C-alpha atoms as a PDB file:
ATOM      1  CA  MET A   1      17.116 133.378   4.325  1.00  0.00           C
ATOM      2  CA  ARG A   2      19.603 132.887   1.723  1.00  0.00           C
ATOM      3  CA  GLU A   3      20.596 135.383  -1.421  1.00  0.00           C
ATOM      4  CA  HIS A   4      22.165 133.218  -4.159  1.00  0.00           C
ATOM      5  CA  GLY A   5      22.961 130.282  -2.465  1.00  0.00           C
ATOM      6  CA  GLN A   6      24.798 132.515   0.926  1.00  0.00           C
ATOM      7  CA  THR A   7      23.411 132.487   4.559  1.00  0.00           C
ATOM      8  CA  MET A   8      22.569 136.302   5.333  1.00  0.00           C
ATOM      9  CA  HIS A   9      23.513 137.024   8.418  1.00  0.00           C
ATOM     10  CA  TYR A  10      21.168 139.955   9.856  1.00  0.00           C
ATOM     11  CA  VAL A  11      21.545 142.460  12.805  1.00  0.00           C
ATOM     12  CA  TYR A  12      18.021 143.520  13.990  1.00  0.00           C
ATOM     13  CA  LEU A  13      17.168 145.746  16.903  1.00  0.00           C
ATOM     14  CA  LEU A  14      13.909 144.939  18.844  1.00  0.00           C
ATOM     15  CA  ARG A  15      11.767 146.794  20.794  1.00  0.00           C
ATOM     16  CA  SER A  16       9.179 145.749  23.908  1.00  0.00           C
ATOM     17  CA  ILE A  17       6.192 146.460  23.001  1.00  0.00           C
ATOM     18  CA  ARG A  18       4.747 147.231  26.382  1.00  0.00           C
ATOM     19  CA  ASN A  19       7.951 148.830  27.825  1.00  0.00           C
ATOM     20  CA  PRO A  20       9.106 150.532  24.797  1.00  0.00           C
ATOM     21  CA  ASP A  21      12.184 152.441  26.264  1.00  0.00           C
ATOM     22  CA  GLN A  22      13.688 149.240  26.148  1.00  0.00           C
ATOM     23  CA  CYS A  23      15.730 147.795  23.128  1.00  0.00           C
ATOM     24  CA  TYR A  24      17.821 145.140  22.024  1.00  0.00           C
ATOM     25  CA  ILE A  25      20.043 144.306  19.357  1.00  0.00           C
ATOM     26  CA  SER A  26      21.643 140.861  18.490  1.00  0.00           C
ATOM     27  CA  GLU A  27      22.251 138.777  15.355  1.00  0.00           C
ATOM     28  CA  THR A  28      20.787 135.883  13.268  1.00  0.00           C
ATOM     29  CA  THR A  29      20.369 133.691  10.337  1.00  0.00           C
ATOM     30  CA  ASP A  30      16.590 133.677  11.259  1.00  0.00           C
ATOM     31  CA  LEU A  31      14.977 136.600  11.834  1.00  0.00           C
ATOM     32  CA  LYS A  32      11.297 135.192  12.242  1.00  0.00           C
ATOM     33  CA  LYS A  33      12.844 132.122  14.684  1.00  0.00           C
ATOM     34  CA  ARG A  34      14.913 134.657  16.515  1.00  0.00           C
ATOM     35  CA  LEU A  35      12.069 136.884  16.973  1.00  0.00           C
ATOM     36  CA  ALA A  36       9.385 133.697  17.798  1.00  0.00           C
ATOM     37  CA  GLU A  37      12.436 132.872  21.127  1.00  0.00           C
ATOM     38  CA  HIS A  38      12.459 136.222  21.917  1.00  0.00           C
ATOM     39  CA  ASN A  39       9.072 136.579  22.689  1.00  0.00           C
ATOM     40  CA  ALA A  40       8.136 132.895  23.807  1.00  0.00           C
ATOM     41  CA  GLY A  41      10.689 133.487  26.664  1.00  0.00           C
ATOM     42  CA  LEU A  42      13.542 131.676  25.682  1.00  0.00           C
ATOM     43  CA  SER A  43      16.577 134.784  26.029  1.00  0.00           C
ATOM     44  CA  ILE A  44      17.468 135.346  29.738  1.00  0.00           C
ATOM     45  CA  HIS A  45      17.858 138.797  28.482  1.00  0.00           C
ATOM     46  CA  THR A  46      14.804 139.986  27.405  1.00  0.00           C
ATOM     47  CA  ASN A  47      12.239 137.523  28.938  1.00  0.00           C
ATOM     48  CA  LYS A  48      11.176 140.254  31.511  1.00  0.00           C
ATOM     49  CA  PHE A  49      10.116 142.481  28.749  1.00  0.00           C
ATOM     50  CA  ARG A  50       8.117 140.612  26.226  1.00  0.00           C
ATOM     51  CA  PRO A  51       6.342 141.576  24.018  1.00  0.00           C
ATOM     52  CA  TRP A  52       8.984 142.196  20.956  1.00  0.00           C
ATOM     53  CA  GLU A  53       8.378 143.414  17.919  1.00  0.00           C
ATOM     54  CA  ILE A  54      11.267 143.964  14.921  1.00  0.00           C
ATOM     55  CA  GLU A  55      12.391 147.844  15.324  1.00  0.00           C
ATOM     56  CA  VAL A  56      15.127 147.488  12.486  1.00  0.00           C
ATOM     57  CA  TYR A  57      17.392 144.919  10.651  1.00  0.00           C
ATOM     58  CA  LEU A  58      20.037 144.899   8.204  1.00  0.00           C
ATOM     59  CA  GLY A  59      21.090 141.716   6.346  1.00  0.00           C
ATOM     60  CA  PHE A  60      24.906 141.201   5.752  1.00  0.00           C
ATOM     61  CA  LYS A  61      26.130 138.260   3.511  1.00  0.00           C
ATOM     62  CA  ASP A  62      29.256 138.699   5.404  1.00  0.00           C
ATOM     63  CA  LYS A  63      29.056 137.218   8.939  1.00  0.00           C
ATOM     64  CA  VAL A  64      32.443 139.161  10.381  1.00  0.00           C
ATOM     65  CA  LYS A  65      30.983 142.477   9.594  1.00  0.00           C
ATOM     66  CA  ALA A  66      27.526 141.501  10.808  1.00  0.00           C
ATOM     67  CA  ILE A  67      28.979 141.202  14.099  1.00  0.00           C
ATOM     68  CA  GLU A  68      31.276 144.023  13.778  1.00  0.00           C
ATOM     69  CA  PHE A  69      28.521 146.199  12.682  1.00  0.00           C
ATOM     70  CA  GLU A  70      26.534 144.998  16.100  1.00  0.00           C
ATOM     71  CA  THR A  71      29.468 145.188  17.981  1.00  0.00           C
ATOM     72  CA  TYR A  72      29.489 148.679  16.810  1.00  0.00           C
ATOM     73  CA  LEU A  73      25.958 149.898  17.793  1.00  0.00           C
ATOM     74  CA  LYS A  74      26.034 148.893  21.237  1.00  0.00           C
ATOM     75  CA  HIS A  75      29.212 150.735  21.977  1.00  0.00           C
ATOM     76  CA  GLY A  76      30.584 154.382  21.954  1.00  0.00           C
ATOM     77  CA  SER A  77      29.223 156.498  19.347  1.00  0.00           C
ATOM     78  CA  GLY A  78      27.534 153.064  17.489  1.00  0.00           C
ATOM     79  CA  HIS A  79      24.640 154.490  20.422  1.00  0.00           C
ATOM     80  CA  ALA A  80      24.616 157.818  19.102  1.00  0.00           C
ATOM     81  CA  PHE A  81      24.110 156.650  15.201  1.00  0.00           C
ATOM     82  CA  ARG A  82      21.320 153.883  16.263  1.00  0.00           C
ATOM     83  CA  LYS A  83      19.192 156.679  18.647  1.00  0.00           C
ATOM     84  CA  LYS A  84      19.428 159.122  15.435  1.00  0.00           C
ATOM     85  CA  HIS A  85      18.816 156.545  12.086  1.00  0.00           C
ATOM     86  CA  PHE A  86      16.733 154.079  14.326  1.00  0.00           C
ATOM     87  CA  TRP A  87      14.611 155.256  17.386  1.00  0.00           C
ATOM     88  CA  SER A  88      15.207 158.775  18.083  1.00  0.00           C
ATOM     89  CA  LYS A  89      12.739 158.180  20.483  1.00  0.00           C
ATOM     90  CA  ILE A  90      14.550 156.668  23.361  1.00  0.00           C
END
């Protein structure tokens, strides 16, 4: 997606529909395409827990900031942050 001529970079959090305790976090510029790829089994990291749904996504104009936020959510205090703000059941 483009906003005012800029490519947006999305950090997205997926939840498995069949196994709701399984979650996945990544970054993309095309949410619809990426979700379709996950649900088609094209990612070795997510193909065992298909189908997936998007739990939440955040858009960034700056790719570096998106990657930094993705990394934050995957490590250290980012675990507590994402549990508190995005999926408290996990």
